[in-house]
Amino acid sequence: MADLTTIWKFPFAIEDEFWLDLPGDAQVLHVAMQQSTPCLWAAVAPDADVIPRRFAVRGTGHSLPSGAHHVATFSQPPFVWHLFAFPGAG
């Protein structure tokens, strides 16, 4: 495991499922809207190999993505979104 030394921001689209390229053992710290864009902030080891990670976004009242774990909840008024990561992500 590489040392997590830096915080990076990863903008993403609100989609049922999407992929983000994150360095190695990136650790998700926070998810929120920045202006009109949803973003994920993670502690990373900048020199680590990049690994594609699979995520899902669900609205309140929607079904949970099978096999994924909850990472964060964020709001985009009037909506509240829930971000999930599949194994190996987040």
PDB file of N, CA and C in Angstrom:
ATOM      1  N   MET A   1       0.841  -1.176   0.000  1.00  0.00           N
ATOM      2  CA  MET A   1       0.000   0.000   0.000  1.00  0.00           C
ATOM      3  C   MET A   1       0.889   1.245   0.000  1.00  0.00           C
ATOM      4  N   ALA A   2       0.663   2.148  -0.942  1.00  0.00           N
ATOM      5  CA  ALA A   2       1.428   3.388  -1.030  1.00  0.00           C
ATOM      6  C   ALA A   2       0.911   4.389   0.001  1.00  0.00           C
ATOM      7  N   ASP A   3       1.773   5.330   0.374  1.00  0.00           N
ATOM      8  CA  ASP A   3       1.361   6.368   1.324  1.00  0.00           C
ATOM      9  C   ASP A   3       0.397   7.338   0.658  1.00  0.00           C
ATOM     10  N   LEU A   4      -0.750   7.568   1.315  1.00  0.00           N
ATOM     11  CA  LEU A   4      -1.728   8.530   0.819  1.00  0.00           C
ATOM     12  C   LEU A   4      -1.287   9.903   1.299  1.00  0.00           C
ATOM     13  N   THR A   5      -0.837  10.745   0.371  1.00  0.00           N
ATOM     14  CA  THR A   5      -0.204  12.008   0.754  1.00  0.00           C
ATOM     15  C   THR A   5      -0.897  13.254   0.221  1.00  0.00           C
ATOM     16  N   THR A   6      -1.861  13.078  -0.675  1.00  0.00           N
ATOM     17  CA  THR A   6      -2.451  14.224  -1.358  1.00  0.00           C
ATOM     18  C   THR A   6      -3.951  14.028  -1.494  1.00  0.00           C
ATOM     19  N   ILE A   7      -4.687  15.130  -1.499  1.00  0.00           N
ATOM     20  CA  ILE A   7      -6.134  15.065  -1.750  1.00  0.00           C
ATOM     21  C   ILE A   7      -6.385  15.544  -3.168  1.00  0.00           C
ATOM     22  N   TRP A   8      -7.074  14.719  -3.934  1.00  0.00           N
ATOM     23  CA  TRP A   8      -7.460  15.072  -5.300  1.00  0.00           C
ATOM     24  C   TRP A   8      -8.974  15.089  -5.409  1.00  0.00           C
ATOM     25  N   LYS A   9      -9.450  15.903  -6.341  1.00  0.00           N
ATOM     26  CA  LYS A   9     -10.889  16.014  -6.625  1.00  0.00           C
ATOM     27  C   LYS A   9     -11.182  15.301  -7.935  1.00  0.00           C
ATOM     28  N   PHE A  10     -12.308  14.563  -7.951  1.00  0.00           N
ATOM     29  CA  PHE A  10     -12.732  13.824  -9.132  1.00  0.00           C
ATOM     30  C   PHE A  10     -14.182  14.184  -9.459  1.00  0.00           C
ATOM     31  N   PRO A  11     -14.416  15.077 -10.420  1.00  0.00           N
ATOM     32  CA  PRO A  11     -15.803  15.365 -10.835  1.00  0.00           C
ATOM     33  C   PRO A  11     -16.403  14.132 -11.500  1.00  0.00           C
ATOM     34  N   PHE A  12     -17.726  13.978 -11.377  1.00  0.00           N
ATOM     35  CA  PHE A  12     -18.411  12.867 -12.028  1.00  0.00           C
ATOM     36  C   PHE A  12     -19.817  13.290 -12.416  1.00  0.00           C
ATOM     37  N   ALA A  13     -20.440  12.506 -13.259  1.00  0.00           N
ATOM     38  CA  ALA A  13     -21.815  12.771 -13.694  1.00  0.00           C
ATOM     39  C   ALA A  13     -22.770  11.932 -12.850  1.00  0.00           C
ATOM     40  N   ILE A  14     -23.942  12.470 -12.579  1.00  0.00           N
ATOM     41  CA  ILE A  14     -24.955  11.712 -11.856  1.00  0.00           C
ATOM     42  C   ILE A  14     -25.600  10.762 -12.852  1.00  0.00           C
ATOM     43  N   GLU A  15     -25.141   9.508 -12.816  1.00  0.00           N
ATOM     44  CA  GLU A  15     -25.612   8.440 -13.692  1.00  0.00           C
ATOM     45  C   GLU A  15     -25.846   7.202 -12.843  1.00  0.00           C
ATOM     46  N   ASP A  16     -26.655   6.271 -13.341  1.00  0.00           N
ATOM     47  CA  ASP A  16     -26.895   5.040 -12.589  1.00  0.00           C
ATOM     48  C   ASP A  16     -25.578   4.377 -12.206  1.00  0.00           C
ATOM     49  N   GLU A  17     -24.656   4.258 -13.164  1.00  0.00           N
ATOM     50  CA  GLU A  17     -23.329   3.696 -12.918  1.00  0.00           C
ATOM     51  C   GLU A  17     -22.306   4.451 -13.742  1.00  0.00           C
ATOM     52  N   PHE A  18     -21.088   4.557 -13.189  1.00  0.00           N
ATOM     53  CA  PHE A  18     -20.008   5.234 -13.904  1.00  0.00           C
ATOM     54  C   PHE A  18     -18.677   4.716 -13.363  1.00  0.00           C
ATOM     55  N   TRP A  19     -17.615   5.027 -14.081  1.00  0.00           N
ATOM     56  CA  TRP A  19     -16.261   4.626 -13.705  1.00  0.00           C
ATOM     57  C   TRP A  19     -15.417   5.871 -13.472  1.00  0.00           C
ATOM     58  N   LEU A  20     -14.543   5.821 -12.469  1.00  0.00           N
ATOM     59  CA  LEU A  20     -13.545   6.861 -12.238  1.00  0.00           C
ATOM     60  C   LEU A  20     -12.182   6.189 -12.176  1.00  0.00           C
ATOM     61  N   ASP A  21     -11.195   6.832 -12.764  1.00  0.00           N
ATOM     62  CA  ASP A  21      -9.820   6.342 -12.677  1.00  0.00           C
ATOM     63  C   ASP A  21      -9.165   6.962 -11.446  1.00  0.00           C
ATOM     64  N   LEU A  22      -8.932   6.141 -10.422  1.00  0.00           N
ATOM     65  CA  LEU A  22      -8.353   6.615  -9.168  1.00  0.00           C
ATOM     66  C   LEU A  22      -7.001   5.948  -8.940  1.00  0.00           C
ATOM     67  N   PRO A  23      -6.035   6.679  -8.379  1.00  0.00           N
ATOM     68  CA  PRO A  23      -4.753   6.059  -8.068  1.00  0.00           C
ATOM     69  C   PRO A  23      -4.891   4.992  -6.992  1.00  0.00           C
ATOM     70  N   GLY A  24      -4.237   3.872  -7.206  1.00  0.00           N
ATOM     71  CA  GLY A  24      -4.095   2.778  -6.247  1.00  0.00           C
ATOM     72  C   GLY A  24      -5.129   2.638  -5.160  1.00  0.00           C
ATOM     73  N   ASP A  25      -4.701   2.833  -3.911  1.00  0.00           N
ATOM     74  CA  ASP A  25      -5.558   2.640  -2.744  1.00  0.00           C
ATOM     75  C   ASP A  25      -6.278   3.921  -2.336  1.00  0.00           C
ATOM     76  N   ALA A  26      -6.714   4.702  -3.287  1.00  0.00           N
ATOM     77  CA  ALA A  26      -7.391   5.960  -2.985  1.00  0.00           C
ATOM     78  C   ALA A  26      -8.495   5.741  -1.959  1.00  0.00           C
ATOM     79  N   GLN A  27      -8.589   6.668  -1.015  1.00  0.00           N
ATOM     80  CA  GLN A  27      -9.593   6.589   0.041  1.00  0.00           C
ATOM     81  C   GLN A  27     -10.547   7.767  -0.107  1.00  0.00           C
ATOM     82  N   VAL A  28     -11.824   7.481  -0.336  1.00  0.00           N
ATOM     83  CA  VAL A  28     -12.818   8.543  -0.490  1.00  0.00           C
ATOM     84  C   VAL A  28     -12.975   9.266   0.840  1.00  0.00           C
ATOM     85  N   LEU A  29     -12.873  10.610   0.783  1.00  0.00           N
ATOM     86  CA  LEU A  29     -13.003  11.435   1.974  1.00  0.00           C
ATOM     87  C   LEU A  29     -14.339  12.169   2.044  1.00  0.00           C
ATOM     88  N   HIS A  30     -14.818  12.602   0.874  1.00  0.00           N
ATOM     89  CA  HIS A  30     -16.017  13.441   0.867  1.00  0.00           C
ATOM     90  C   HIS A  30     -16.621  13.427  -0.534  1.00  0.00           C
ATOM     91  N   VAL A  31     -17.946  13.602  -0.587  1.00  0.00           N
ATOM     92  CA  VAL A  31     -18.660  13.749  -1.856  1.00  0.00           C
ATOM     93  C   VAL A  31     -19.632  14.900  -1.679  1.00  0.00           C
ATOM     94  N   ALA A  32     -19.643  15.834  -2.631  1.00  0.00           N
ATOM     95  CA  ALA A  32     -20.538  16.989  -2.543  1.00  0.00           C
ATOM     96  C   ALA A  32     -20.655  17.642  -3.913  1.00  0.00           C
ATOM     97  N   MET A  33     -21.620  18.543  -4.012  1.00  0.00           N
ATOM     98  CA  MET A  33     -21.757  19.355  -5.210  1.00  0.00           C
ATOM     99  C   MET A  33     -20.798  20.534  -5.084  1.00  0.00           C
ATOM    100  N   GLN A  34     -20.077  20.833  -6.152  1.00  0.00           N
ATOM    101  CA  GLN A  34     -19.268  22.052  -6.217  1.00  0.00           C
ATOM    102  C   GLN A  34     -19.801  22.827  -7.400  1.00  0.00           C
ATOM    103  N   GLN A  35     -20.463  23.929  -7.099  1.00  0.00           N
ATOM    104  CA  GLN A  35     -21.260  24.660  -8.067  1.00  0.00           C
ATOM    105  C   GLN A  35     -22.313  23.695  -8.586  1.00  0.00           C
ATOM    106  N   SER A  36     -22.323  23.346  -9.844  1.00  0.00           N
ATOM    107  CA  SER A  36     -23.367  22.440 -10.339  1.00  0.00           C
ATOM    108  C   SER A  36     -22.819  21.051 -10.679  1.00  0.00           C
ATOM    109  N   THR A  37     -21.610  20.743 -10.208  1.00  0.00           N
ATOM    110  CA  THR A  37     -20.961  19.479 -10.556  1.00  0.00           C
ATOM    111  C   THR A  37     -20.751  18.611  -9.322  1.00  0.00           C
ATOM    112  N   PRO A  38     -21.204  17.346  -9.357  1.00  0.00           N
ATOM    113  CA  PRO A  38     -20.891  16.455  -8.246  1.00  0.00           C
ATOM    114  C   PRO A  38     -19.406  16.086  -8.289  1.00  0.00           C
ATOM    115  N   CYS A  39     -18.776  16.079  -7.105  1.00  0.00           N
ATOM    116  CA  CYS A  39     -17.351  15.781  -7.020  1.00  0.00           C
ATOM    117  C   CYS A  39     -17.081  14.830  -5.865  1.00  0.00           C
ATOM    118  N   LEU A  40     -16.062  14.024  -6.043  1.00  0.00           N
ATOM    119  CA  LEU A  40     -15.575  13.107  -5.025  1.00  0.00           C
ATOM    120  C   LEU A  40     -14.152  13.558  -4.688  1.00  0.00           C
ATOM    121  N   TRP A  41     -13.851  13.712  -3.392  1.00  0.00           N
ATOM    122  CA  TRP A  41     -12.502  14.035  -2.949  1.00  0.00           C
ATOM    123  C   TRP A  41     -11.920  12.793  -2.308  1.00  0.00           C
ATOM    124  N   ALA A  42     -10.680  12.476  -2.667  1.00  0.00           N
ATOM    125  CA  ALA A  42     -10.047  11.266  -2.150  1.00  0.00           C
ATOM    126  C   ALA A  42      -8.604  11.545  -1.761  1.00  0.00           C
ATOM    127  N   ALA A  43      -8.156  10.866  -0.717  1.00  0.00           N
ATOM    128  CA  ALA A  43      -6.738  10.859  -0.372  1.00  0.00           C
ATOM    129  C   ALA A  43      -6.073   9.858  -1.303  1.00  0.00           C
ATOM    130  N   VAL A  44      -5.000  10.288  -1.941  1.00  0.00           N
ATOM    131  CA  VAL A  44      -4.346   9.437  -2.947  1.00  0.00           C
ATOM    132  C   VAL A  44      -2.834   9.423  -2.752  1.00  0.00           C
ATOM    133  N   ALA A  45      -2.213   8.426  -3.321  1.00  0.00           N
ATOM    134  CA  ALA A  45      -0.768   8.366  -3.499  1.00  0.00           C
ATOM    135  C   ALA A  45      -0.548   8.751  -4.963  1.00  0.00           C
ATOM    136  N   PRO A  46      -0.106   9.980  -5.224  1.00  0.00           N
ATOM    137  CA  PRO A  46      -0.036  10.473  -6.615  1.00  0.00           C
ATOM    138  C   PRO A  46       0.750   9.593  -7.577  1.00  0.00           C
ATOM    139  N   ASP A  47       1.738   8.861  -7.078  1.00  0.00           N
ATOM    140  CA  ASP A  47       2.563   8.033  -7.961  1.00  0.00           C
ATOM    141  C   ASP A  47       2.020   6.625  -8.160  1.00  0.00           C
ATOM    142  N   ALA A  48       0.918   6.294  -7.502  1.00  0.00           N
ATOM    143  CA  ALA A  48       0.345   4.947  -7.616  1.00  0.00           C
ATOM    144  C   ALA A  48      -0.260   4.736  -9.001  1.00  0.00           C
ATOM    145  N   ASP A  49      -0.284   3.499  -9.425  1.00  0.00           N
ATOM    146  CA  ASP A  49      -0.934   3.159 -10.691  1.00  0.00           C
ATOM    147  C   ASP A  49      -2.419   3.492 -10.603  1.00  0.00           C
ATOM    148  N   VAL A  50      -2.963   3.960 -11.700  1.00  0.00           N
ATOM    149  CA  VAL A  50      -4.386   4.311 -11.761  1.00  0.00           C
ATOM    150  C   VAL A  50      -5.211   3.048 -11.993  1.00  0.00           C
ATOM    151  N   ILE A  51      -6.293   2.946 -11.238  1.00  0.00           N
ATOM    152  CA  ILE A  51      -7.176   1.783 -11.338  1.00  0.00           C
ATOM    153  C   ILE A  51      -8.591   2.273 -11.616  1.00  0.00           C
ATOM    154  N   PRO A  52      -9.267   1.750 -12.635  1.00  0.00           N
ATOM    155  CA  PRO A  52     -10.662   2.146 -12.859  1.00  0.00           C
ATOM    156  C   PRO A  52     -11.550   1.593 -11.752  1.00  0.00           C
ATOM    157  N   ARG A  53     -12.389   2.450 -11.180  1.00  0.00           N
ATOM    158  CA  ARG A  53     -13.287   2.059 -10.096  1.00  0.00           C
ATOM    159  C   ARG A  53     -14.727   2.307 -10.519  1.00  0.00           C
ATOM    160  N   ARG A  54     -15.591   1.386 -10.177  1.00  0.00           N
ATOM    161  CA  ARG A  54     -17.001   1.449 -10.582  1.00  0.00           C
ATOM    162  C   ARG A  54     -17.864   1.961  -9.422  1.00  0.00           C
ATOM    163  N   PHE A  55     -18.711   2.946  -9.731  1.00  0.00           N
ATOM    164  CA  PHE A  55     -19.603   3.562  -8.759  1.00  0.00           C
ATOM    165  C   PHE A  55     -21.030   3.569  -9.287  1.00  0.00           C
ATOM    166  N   ALA A  56     -21.968   3.801  -8.383  1.00  0.00           N
ATOM    167  CA  ALA A  56     -23.379   3.944  -8.753  1.00  0.00           C
ATOM    168  C   ALA A  56     -23.974   5.084  -7.937  1.00  0.00           C
ATOM    169  N   VAL A  57     -24.929   5.783  -8.528  1.00  0.00           N
ATOM    170  CA  VAL A  57     -25.668   6.834  -7.838  1.00  0.00           C
ATOM    171  C   VAL A  57     -27.134   6.429  -7.820  1.00  0.00           C
ATOM    172  N   ARG A  58     -27.753   6.563  -6.649  1.00  0.00           N
ATOM    173  CA  ARG A  58     -29.179   6.274  -6.512  1.00  0.00           C
ATOM    174  C   ARG A  58     -29.848   7.420  -5.776  1.00  0.00           C
ATOM    175  N   GLY A  59     -31.062   7.705  -6.173  1.00  0.00           N
ATOM    176  CA  GLY A  59     -31.863   8.690  -5.474  1.00  0.00           C
ATOM    177  C   GLY A  59     -32.592   8.034  -4.316  1.00  0.00           C
ATOM    178  N   THR A  60     -33.025   8.863  -3.380  1.00  0.00           N
ATOM    179  CA  THR A  60     -33.813   8.357  -2.263  1.00  0.00           C
ATOM    180  C   THR A  60     -35.060   7.671  -2.804  1.00  0.00           C
ATOM    181  N   GLY A  61     -35.352   6.482  -2.308  1.00  0.00           N
ATOM    182  CA  GLY A  61     -36.503   5.709  -2.760  1.00  0.00           C
ATOM    183  C   GLY A  61     -36.198   4.765  -3.908  1.00  0.00           C
ATOM    184  N   HIS A  62     -34.999   4.850  -4.474  1.00  0.00           N
ATOM    185  CA  HIS A  62     -34.614   3.959  -5.570  1.00  0.00           C
ATOM    186  C   HIS A  62     -34.017   2.676  -5.011  1.00  0.00           C
ATOM    187  N   SER A  63     -33.957   1.645  -5.836  1.00  0.00           N
ATOM    188  CA  SER A  63     -33.394   0.370  -5.392  1.00  0.00           C
ATOM    189  C   SER A  63     -31.869   0.482  -5.245  1.00  0.00           C
ATOM    190  N   LEU A  64     -31.331  -0.301  -4.317  1.00  0.00           N
ATOM    191  CA  LEU A  64     -29.893  -0.305  -4.069  1.00  0.00           C
ATOM    192  C   LEU A  64     -29.173  -1.090  -5.159  1.00  0.00           C
ATOM    193  N   PRO A  65     -27.949  -0.681  -5.513  1.00  0.00           N
ATOM    194  CA  PRO A  65     -27.182  -1.454  -6.490  1.00  0.00           C
ATOM    195  C   PRO A  65     -26.658  -2.729  -5.833  1.00  0.00           C
ATOM    196  N   SER A  66     -26.901  -3.847  -6.445  1.00  0.00           N
ATOM    197  CA  SER A  66     -26.498  -5.141  -5.900  1.00  0.00           C
ATOM    198  C   SER A  66     -24.981  -5.256  -5.818  1.00  0.00           C
ATOM    199  N   GLY A  67     -24.483  -5.655  -4.657  1.00  0.00           N
ATOM    200  CA  GLY A  67     -23.059  -5.900  -4.482  1.00  0.00           C
ATOM    201  C   GLY A  67     -22.220  -4.678  -4.185  1.00  0.00           C
ATOM    202  N   ALA A  68     -22.821  -3.517  -4.040  1.00  0.00           N
ATOM    203  CA  ALA A  68     -22.072  -2.285  -3.785  1.00  0.00           C
ATOM    204  C   ALA A  68     -22.274  -1.843  -2.342  1.00  0.00           C
ATOM    205  N   HIS A  69     -21.331  -1.031  -1.842  1.00  0.00           N
ATOM    206  CA  HIS A  69     -21.469  -0.496  -0.486  1.00  0.00           C
ATOM    207  C   HIS A  69     -21.607   1.028  -0.529  1.00  0.00           C
ATOM    208  N   HIS A  70     -22.299   1.569   0.466  1.00  0.00           N
ATOM    209  CA  HIS A  70     -22.554   3.006   0.535  1.00  0.00           C
ATOM    210  C   HIS A  70     -21.259   3.755   0.833  1.00  0.00           C
ATOM    211  N   VAL A  71     -21.018   4.831   0.079  1.00  0.00           N
ATOM    212  CA  VAL A  71     -19.823   5.654   0.266  1.00  0.00           C
ATOM    213  C   VAL A  71     -20.189   6.999   0.880  1.00  0.00           C
ATOM    214  N   ALA A  72     -21.240   7.625   0.353  1.00  0.00           N
ATOM    215  CA  ALA A  72     -21.597   8.970   0.816  1.00  0.00           C
ATOM    216  C   ALA A  72     -22.994   9.329   0.345  1.00  0.00           C
ATOM    217  N   THR A  73     -23.559  10.326   1.006  1.00  0.00           N
ATOM    218  CA  THR A  73     -24.823  10.915   0.603  1.00  0.00           C
ATOM    219  C   THR A  73     -24.571  12.397   0.363  1.00  0.00           C
ATOM    220  N   PHE A  74     -25.118  12.937  -0.723  1.00  0.00           N
ATOM    221  CA  PHE A  74     -24.926  14.358  -1.027  1.00  0.00           C
ATOM    222  C   PHE A  74     -26.212  14.911  -1.606  1.00  0.00           C
ATOM    223  N   SER A  75     -26.369  16.230  -1.540  1.00  0.00           N
ATOM    224  CA  SER A  75     -27.615  16.819  -2.023  1.00  0.00           C
ATOM    225  C   SER A  75     -27.382  17.749  -3.203  1.00  0.00           C
ATOM    226  N   GLN A  76     -28.381  17.772  -4.043  1.00  0.00           N
ATOM    227  CA  GLN A  76     -28.470  18.669  -5.186  1.00  0.00           C
ATOM    228  C   GLN A  76     -29.926  19.130  -5.177  1.00  0.00           C
ATOM    229  N   PRO A  77     -30.248  20.116  -4.310  1.00  0.00           N
ATOM    230  CA  PRO A  77     -31.659  20.471  -4.097  1.00  0.00           C
ATOM    231  C   PRO A  77     -32.433  20.566  -5.405  1.00  0.00           C
ATOM    232  N   PRO A  78     -33.606  19.939  -5.447  1.00  0.00           N
ATOM    233  CA  PRO A  78     -34.328  19.322  -4.334  1.00  0.00           C
ATOM    234  C   PRO A  78     -34.000  17.838  -4.131  1.00  0.00           C
ATOM    235  N   PHE A  79     -32.958  17.337  -4.782  1.00  0.00           N
ATOM    236  CA  PHE A  79     -32.649  15.904  -4.732  1.00  0.00           C
ATOM    237  C   PHE A  79     -31.608  15.576  -3.672  1.00  0.00           C
ATOM    238  N   VAL A  80     -31.693  14.366  -3.133  1.00  0.00           N
ATOM    239  CA  VAL A  80     -30.664  13.800  -2.277  1.00  0.00           C
ATOM    240  C   VAL A  80     -30.185  12.529  -2.968  1.00  0.00           C
ATOM    241  N   TRP A  81     -28.879  12.436  -3.186  1.00  0.00           N
ATOM    242  CA  TRP A  81     -28.269  11.318  -3.901  1.00  0.00           C
ATOM    243  C   TRP A  81     -27.426  10.481  -2.958  1.00  0.00           C
ATOM    244  N   HIS A  82     -27.269   9.210  -3.291  1.00  0.00           N
ATOM    245  CA  HIS A  82     -26.490   8.271  -2.496  1.00  0.00           C
ATOM    246  C   HIS A  82     -25.473   7.606  -3.423  1.00  0.00           C
ATOM    247  N   LEU A  83     -24.190   7.737  -3.082  1.00  0.00           N
ATOM    248  CA  LEU A  83     -23.124   7.183  -3.891  1.00  0.00           C
ATOM    249  C   LEU A  83     -22.693   5.831  -3.323  1.00  0.00           C
ATOM    250  N   PHE A  84     -22.597   4.844  -4.198  1.00  0.00           N
ATOM    251  CA  PHE A  84     -22.192   3.487  -3.827  1.00  0.00           C
ATOM    252  C   PHE A  84     -20.956   3.100  -4.642  1.00  0.00           C
ATOM    253  N   ALA A  85     -20.102   2.266  -4.038  1.00  0.00           N
ATOM    254  CA  ALA A  85     -18.925   1.749  -4.714  1.00  0.00           C
ATOM    255  C   ALA A  85     -19.026   0.233  -4.799  1.00  0.00           C
ATOM    256  N   PHE A  86     -18.623  -0.291  -5.929  1.00  0.00           N
ATOM    257  CA  PHE A  86     -18.574  -1.736  -6.101  1.00  0.00           C
ATOM    258  C   PHE A  86     -17.252  -2.263  -5.545  1.00  0.00           C
ATOM    259  N   PRO A  87     -17.143  -3.538  -5.256  1.00  0.00           N
ATOM    260  CA  PRO A  87     -15.906  -4.072  -4.671  1.00  0.00           C
ATOM    261  C   PRO A  87     -14.680  -3.601  -5.432  1.00  0.00           C
ATOM    262  N   GLY A  88     -13.662  -3.237  -4.651  1.00  0.00           N
ATOM    263  CA  GLY A  88     -12.436  -2.709  -5.234  1.00  0.00           C
ATOM    264  C   GLY A  88     -12.479  -1.215  -5.417  1.00  0.00           C
ATOM    265  N   ALA A  89     -13.625  -0.588  -5.124  1.00  0.00           N
ATOM    266  CA  ALA A  89     -13.747   0.863  -5.291  1.00  0.00           C
ATOM    267  C   ALA A  89     -13.953   1.533  -3.954  1.00  0.00           C
ATOM    268  N   GLY A  90     -13.506   2.787  -3.907  1.00  0.00           N
ATOM    269  CA  GLY A  90     -13.768   3.648  -2.752  1.00  0.00           C
ATOM    270  C   GLY A  90     -13.186   3.095  -1.523  1.00  0.00           C
TER     271      GLY A  90
END
